[in-house]
Protein backbone atom coordinates (compact mmCIF):
# COMPACT_ATOMS: atom_id res chain seq x y z
CA UNK A 1 -14.94 -1.48 3.27
CA UNK A 2 -11.61 -0.06 3.79
CA UNK A 3 -10.38 2.87 1.68
CA UNK A 4 -6.79 3.41 0.57
CA UNK A 5 -5.45 6.56 -0.96
CA UNK A 6 -3.77 5.79 -4.29
CA UNK A 7 -0.20 7.12 -4.45
CA UNK A 8 0.74 7.77 -8.11
CA UNK A 9 4.00 6.63 -9.43
CA UNK A 10 6.43 9.59 -9.16
CA UNK A 11 4.52 11.19 -6.23
CA UNK A 12 6.49 12.00 -3.11
CA UNK A 13 6.36 9.40 -0.45
CA UNK A 14 4.36 10.78 2.42
CA UNK A 15 6.15 10.99 5.78
CA UNK A 16 2.80 10.21 7.64
CA UNK A 17 2.11 7.00 5.78
CA UNK A 18 2.83 3.31 5.54
CA UNK A 19 3.17 2.59 1.77
CA UNK A 20 1.92 -0.60 0.14
CA UNK A 21 3.51 -1.12 -3.31
CA UNK A 22 1.45 -3.56 -5.49
CA UNK A 23 3.27 -5.14 -8.37
CA UNK A 24 2.79 -8.49 -10.40
CA UNK A 25 5.02 -11.49 -10.21
CA UNK A 26 4.50 -14.61 -12.17
CA UNK A 27 0.89 -13.35 -13.17
CA UNK A 28 -0.12 -12.71 -9.53
CA UNK A 29 -0.68 -9.45 -7.65
CA UNK A 30 1.89 -9.06 -4.69
CA UNK A 31 2.99 -6.09 -2.39
CA UNK A 32 5.50 -4.94 -0.17
CA UNK A 33 5.20 -2.76 2.87
CA UNK A 34 7.41 0.36 3.71
CA UNK A 35 7.47 3.36 5.85
CA UNK A 36 9.92 6.27 6.39
CA UNK A 37 12.16 4.42 8.86
CA UNK A 38 11.05 0.82 7.78
CA UNK A 39 12.77 -0.87 4.73
CA UNK A 40 10.23 -2.70 2.49
CA UNK A 41 9.80 -6.37 3.04
CA UNK A 42 9.75 -9.08 0.35
CA UNK A 43 6.74 -9.34 -1.66
CA UNK A 44 3.80 -11.09 -0.06
CA UNK A 45 0.06 -11.58 -1.11
CA UNK A 46 -1.68 -8.18 -1.10
CA UNK A 47 -4.15 -8.96 1.72
CA UNK A 48 -1.19 -9.91 3.87
CA UNK A 49 0.58 -6.75 2.96
CA UNK A 50 -2.40 -4.57 3.84
CA UNK A 51 -2.75 -6.40 7.35
CA UNK A 52 1.07 -5.95 7.90
CA UNK A 53 0.75 -2.16 6.82
CA UNK A 54 -2.22 -1.75 9.51
CA UNK A 55 0.08 -3.32 12.21
CA UNK A 56 3.13 -1.04 11.06
CA UNK A 57 0.90 1.97 11.05
CA UNK A 58 -0.13 1.53 14.61
CA UNK A 59 3.29 0.55 15.74
CA UNK A 60 4.84 3.67 14.34
CA UNK A 61 2.03 6.04 15.06
CA UNK A 62 1.39 6.96 11.46
CA UNK A 63 -1.69 8.50 10.10
CA UNK A 64 -2.57 6.39 7.10
CA UNK A 65 -1.92 3.60 4.55
CA UNK A 66 -1.29 4.53 0.94
CA UNK A 67 -1.15 2.25 -2.07
CA UNK A 68 1.12 2.81 -5.01
CA UNK A 69 -0.06 0.72 -8.02
CA UNK A 70 0.73 1.30 -11.61
CA UNK A 71 -1.95 -0.78 -13.09
CA UNK A 72 -5.49 -0.66 -11.48
CA UNK A 73 -6.19 -3.95 -13.10
CA UNK A 74 -3.85 -5.66 -10.44
CA UNK A 75 -6.18 -4.39 -7.68
CA UNK A 76 -8.94 -6.83 -6.34
CA UNK A 77 -11.97 -4.71 -4.97
CA UNK A 78 -12.36 -7.28 -2.20
CA UNK A 79 -9.05 -5.71 -0.64
CA UNK A 80 -10.87 -2.31 -0.24
CA UNK A 81 -11.48 0.79 -2.21
CA UNK A 82 -8.75 2.83 -3.89
CA UNK A 83 -9.53 6.70 -3.63
CA UNK A 84 -7.68 9.55 -5.39
CA UNK A 85 -5.54 11.68 -2.96
CA UNK A 86 -7.29 14.73 -1.27
CA UNK A 87 -5.69 17.73 -2.70
């Protein structure tokens, strides 16, 4: 199962990561994907956003994918495991 580091709101956006930001629109969890030199896309289903994040990570040579999510209830465990950042 994939693991994604949870990026807390207000935390600095890491330069070595693709950021998947999960929100809710019309009662559904959706996400957009962004990186340092890549502007966020329109919200898409979370699974699609995670797949796009993997492609973007490889294309840009970034180290990781992090997830910014305000409410953990929006996260479906089938997408992977959210882990606290390593300090």
